[in-house]
Every structure is written in structure tokens, then in C-alpha cells.
């Protein structure tokens, strides 16, 4: 594991800081730590992109091994809650309008265009 991976909420590193060739275990660890140290000021809602589907969610809980997300509406089988192993997460979409502050506190650097 590289030192670019997160150790605390104060040092959350963006996924882009992972070295080329980082393993799936390294990526799973980054996602686990990101969800465990969710940035303050960022709504606990969004769209979780996995290897299989995109899941809009309105909240989540976590363990060291897995993420439990609650869908905004049930899927076609009526399921509202989904257990997701961190290793299957591909991306996270933020649907709310937020400032850069929560991302800066999570270790992201640079600037985004102002609105």
C-alpha cells in the first residue's frame, strides 16, 4: 500500500493520487476510508457507480468490509437497501450543489470553475 492512501480525515487523498498499477485492494481501501471519513458539509446522498450498476442513494452506513446504501426509491424487485463491497465501487457521483470546501478538507487540490 502506498503512502498516498488515506490515514485520517485530514489526509484523505483523491483517487487520482494512486500510482499507476494500483491494485483493486488499494482502490477498495480508498473508497472504504472515504466513506468512513465522509467530508463534513457533503450530503449523504448521491449516485454510487459499481461494476454492475448506478445506484442513486439517500443515505449510507459502513463497516470495514462493506457499504450499506439506501436507494431513494425501490428497484424493480422492490429492494431499497444494497450491500456493496468496496472493491466493486467504480465512482461516486455527487448530485447536490456543493462548494469546494468539503473536497479540500478531504485532500483534493486545485480549483474548479466558479458559478
Protein backbone atom coordinates (compact mmCIF):
# COMPACT_ATOMS: atom_id res chain seq x y z
CA UNK A 1 0.00 0.00 0.00
CA UNK A 2 1.25 3.48 -0.79
CA UNK A 3 1.52 6.48 1.48
CA UNK A 4 -0.85 8.30 -0.90
CA UNK A 5 -3.70 6.32 0.62
CA UNK A 6 -5.63 7.94 3.41
CA UNK A 7 -4.68 7.70 7.06
CA UNK A 8 -7.18 10.14 8.55
CA UNK A 9 -9.91 12.56 7.58
CA UNK A 10 -7.28 15.30 7.45
CA UNK A 11 -5.27 13.44 4.84
CA UNK A 12 -7.90 11.89 2.57
CA UNK A 13 -6.23 11.58 -0.82
CA UNK A 14 -8.05 11.85 -4.12
CA UNK A 15 -8.30 8.68 -6.17
CA UNK A 16 -6.14 10.31 -8.84
CA UNK A 17 -3.17 10.20 -6.46
CA UNK A 18 -2.97 6.42 -6.62
CA UNK A 19 0.10 5.25 -8.51
CA UNK A 20 -0.27 3.60 -11.92
CA UNK A 21 -0.94 -0.10 -11.47
CA UNK A 22 -2.56 0.28 -8.04
CA UNK A 23 -4.39 -2.89 -7.12
CA UNK A 24 -8.11 -3.35 -6.58
CA UNK A 25 -7.35 -3.77 -2.88
CA UNK A 26 -5.77 -0.29 -2.82
CA UNK A 27 -8.84 1.19 -4.52
CA UNK A 28 -11.19 -0.60 -2.14
CA UNK A 29 -9.21 0.81 0.78
CA UNK A 30 -9.51 4.36 -0.58
CA UNK A 31 -13.28 4.01 -1.01
CA UNK A 32 -13.66 2.47 2.47
CA UNK A 33 -11.76 5.33 4.08
CA UNK A 34 -13.59 7.95 2.02
CA UNK A 35 -16.98 6.67 3.20
CA UNK A 36 -15.79 6.20 6.79
CA UNK A 37 -14.48 9.78 6.85
CA UNK A 38 -17.20 11.34 4.71
CA UNK A 39 -16.44 15.06 4.28
CA UNK A 40 -18.43 17.37 6.54
CA UNK A 41 -20.78 19.60 4.59
CA UNK A 42 -21.39 16.95 1.93
CA UNK A 43 -24.87 15.43 1.85
CA UNK A 44 -25.01 11.68 2.45
CA UNK A 45 -26.66 11.27 -0.94
CA UNK A 46 -25.51 10.74 -4.49
CA UNK A 47 -25.15 8.05 -7.12
CA UNK A 48 -22.87 5.10 -6.44
CA UNK A 49 -21.38 3.62 -9.59
CA UNK A 50 -20.40 -0.03 -9.26
CA UNK A 51 -19.08 -2.55 -11.75
CA UNK A 52 -22.70 -3.62 -12.34
CA UNK A 53 -24.99 -0.61 -11.96
CA UNK A 54 -25.54 3.00 -10.94
CA UNK A 55 -27.44 3.30 -7.66
CA UNK A 56 -28.97 6.61 -6.54
CA UNK A 57 -28.85 6.70 -2.75
CA UNK A 58 -30.24 8.84 0.05
CA UNK A 59 -28.02 7.59 2.87
CA UNK A 60 -25.45 5.01 3.86
CA UNK A 61 -23.86 3.06 6.68
CA UNK A 62 -20.47 1.37 6.59
CA UNK A 63 -18.29 -1.35 8.06
CA UNK A 64 -14.66 -2.16 7.36
CA UNK A 65 -15.77 -4.67 4.71
CA UNK A 66 -18.84 -3.22 3.07
CA UNK A 67 -21.09 -0.26 2.41
CA UNK A 68 -24.85 -0.32 3.04
CA UNK A 69 -26.70 2.21 0.91
CA UNK A 70 -30.37 3.07 0.84
CA UNK A 71 -31.92 3.77 -2.53
CA UNK A 72 -34.11 6.81 -2.95
CA UNK A 73 -36.78 4.56 -4.49
CA UNK A 74 -37.01 0.75 -4.64
CA UNK A 75 -35.51 -1.07 -7.63
CA UNK A 76 -37.61 -3.32 -9.90
CA UNK A 77 -37.51 -6.11 -7.28
CA UNK A 78 -38.63 -3.74 -4.52
CA UNK A 79 -35.24 -3.54 -2.80
CA UNK A 80 -34.30 -0.30 -1.07
CA UNK A 81 -31.08 -1.30 0.68
CA UNK A 82 -27.97 -2.61 -1.08
CA UNK A 83 -24.82 -4.09 0.47
CA UNK A 84 -21.84 -3.15 -1.69
CA UNK A 85 -18.29 -4.46 -1.25
CA UNK A 86 -15.84 -1.56 -1.52
CA UNK A 87 -13.89 -3.38 -4.22
CA UNK A 88 -16.81 -3.11 -6.66
CA UNK A 89 -17.11 0.69 -6.43
CA UNK A 90 -16.02 2.45 -9.61
CA UNK A 91 -17.10 6.04 -8.96
CA UNK A 92 -19.25 8.31 -6.82
CA UNK A 93 -21.46 10.98 -8.34
CA UNK A 94 -22.34 13.99 -6.21
CA UNK A 95 -25.79 15.27 -7.15
CA UNK A 96 -26.07 18.25 -4.79
CA UNK A 97 -24.54 21.64 -5.50
CA UNK A 98 -21.63 21.98 -3.06
CA UNK A 99 -18.68 24.27 -2.61
CA UNK A 100 -15.08 23.11 -2.93
CA UNK A 101 -14.61 23.23 0.86
CA UNK A 102 -15.65 19.63 1.70
CA UNK A 103 -13.42 18.33 -1.08
CA UNK A 104 -10.45 20.44 0.01
CA UNK A 105 -10.90 19.09 3.54
CA UNK A 106 -10.83 15.60 2.01
CA UNK A 107 -7.44 16.29 0.44
CA UNK A 108 -8.37 17.39 -3.07
CA UNK A 109 -6.23 20.14 -4.57
CA UNK A 110 -6.66 22.56 -7.48
CA UNK A 111 -9.61 24.70 -8.47
CA UNK A 112 -12.96 24.13 -10.11
CA UNK A 113 -14.72 26.77 -12.20
CA UNK A 114 -16.86 29.14 -10.13
CA UNK A 115 -20.56 29.52 -10.81
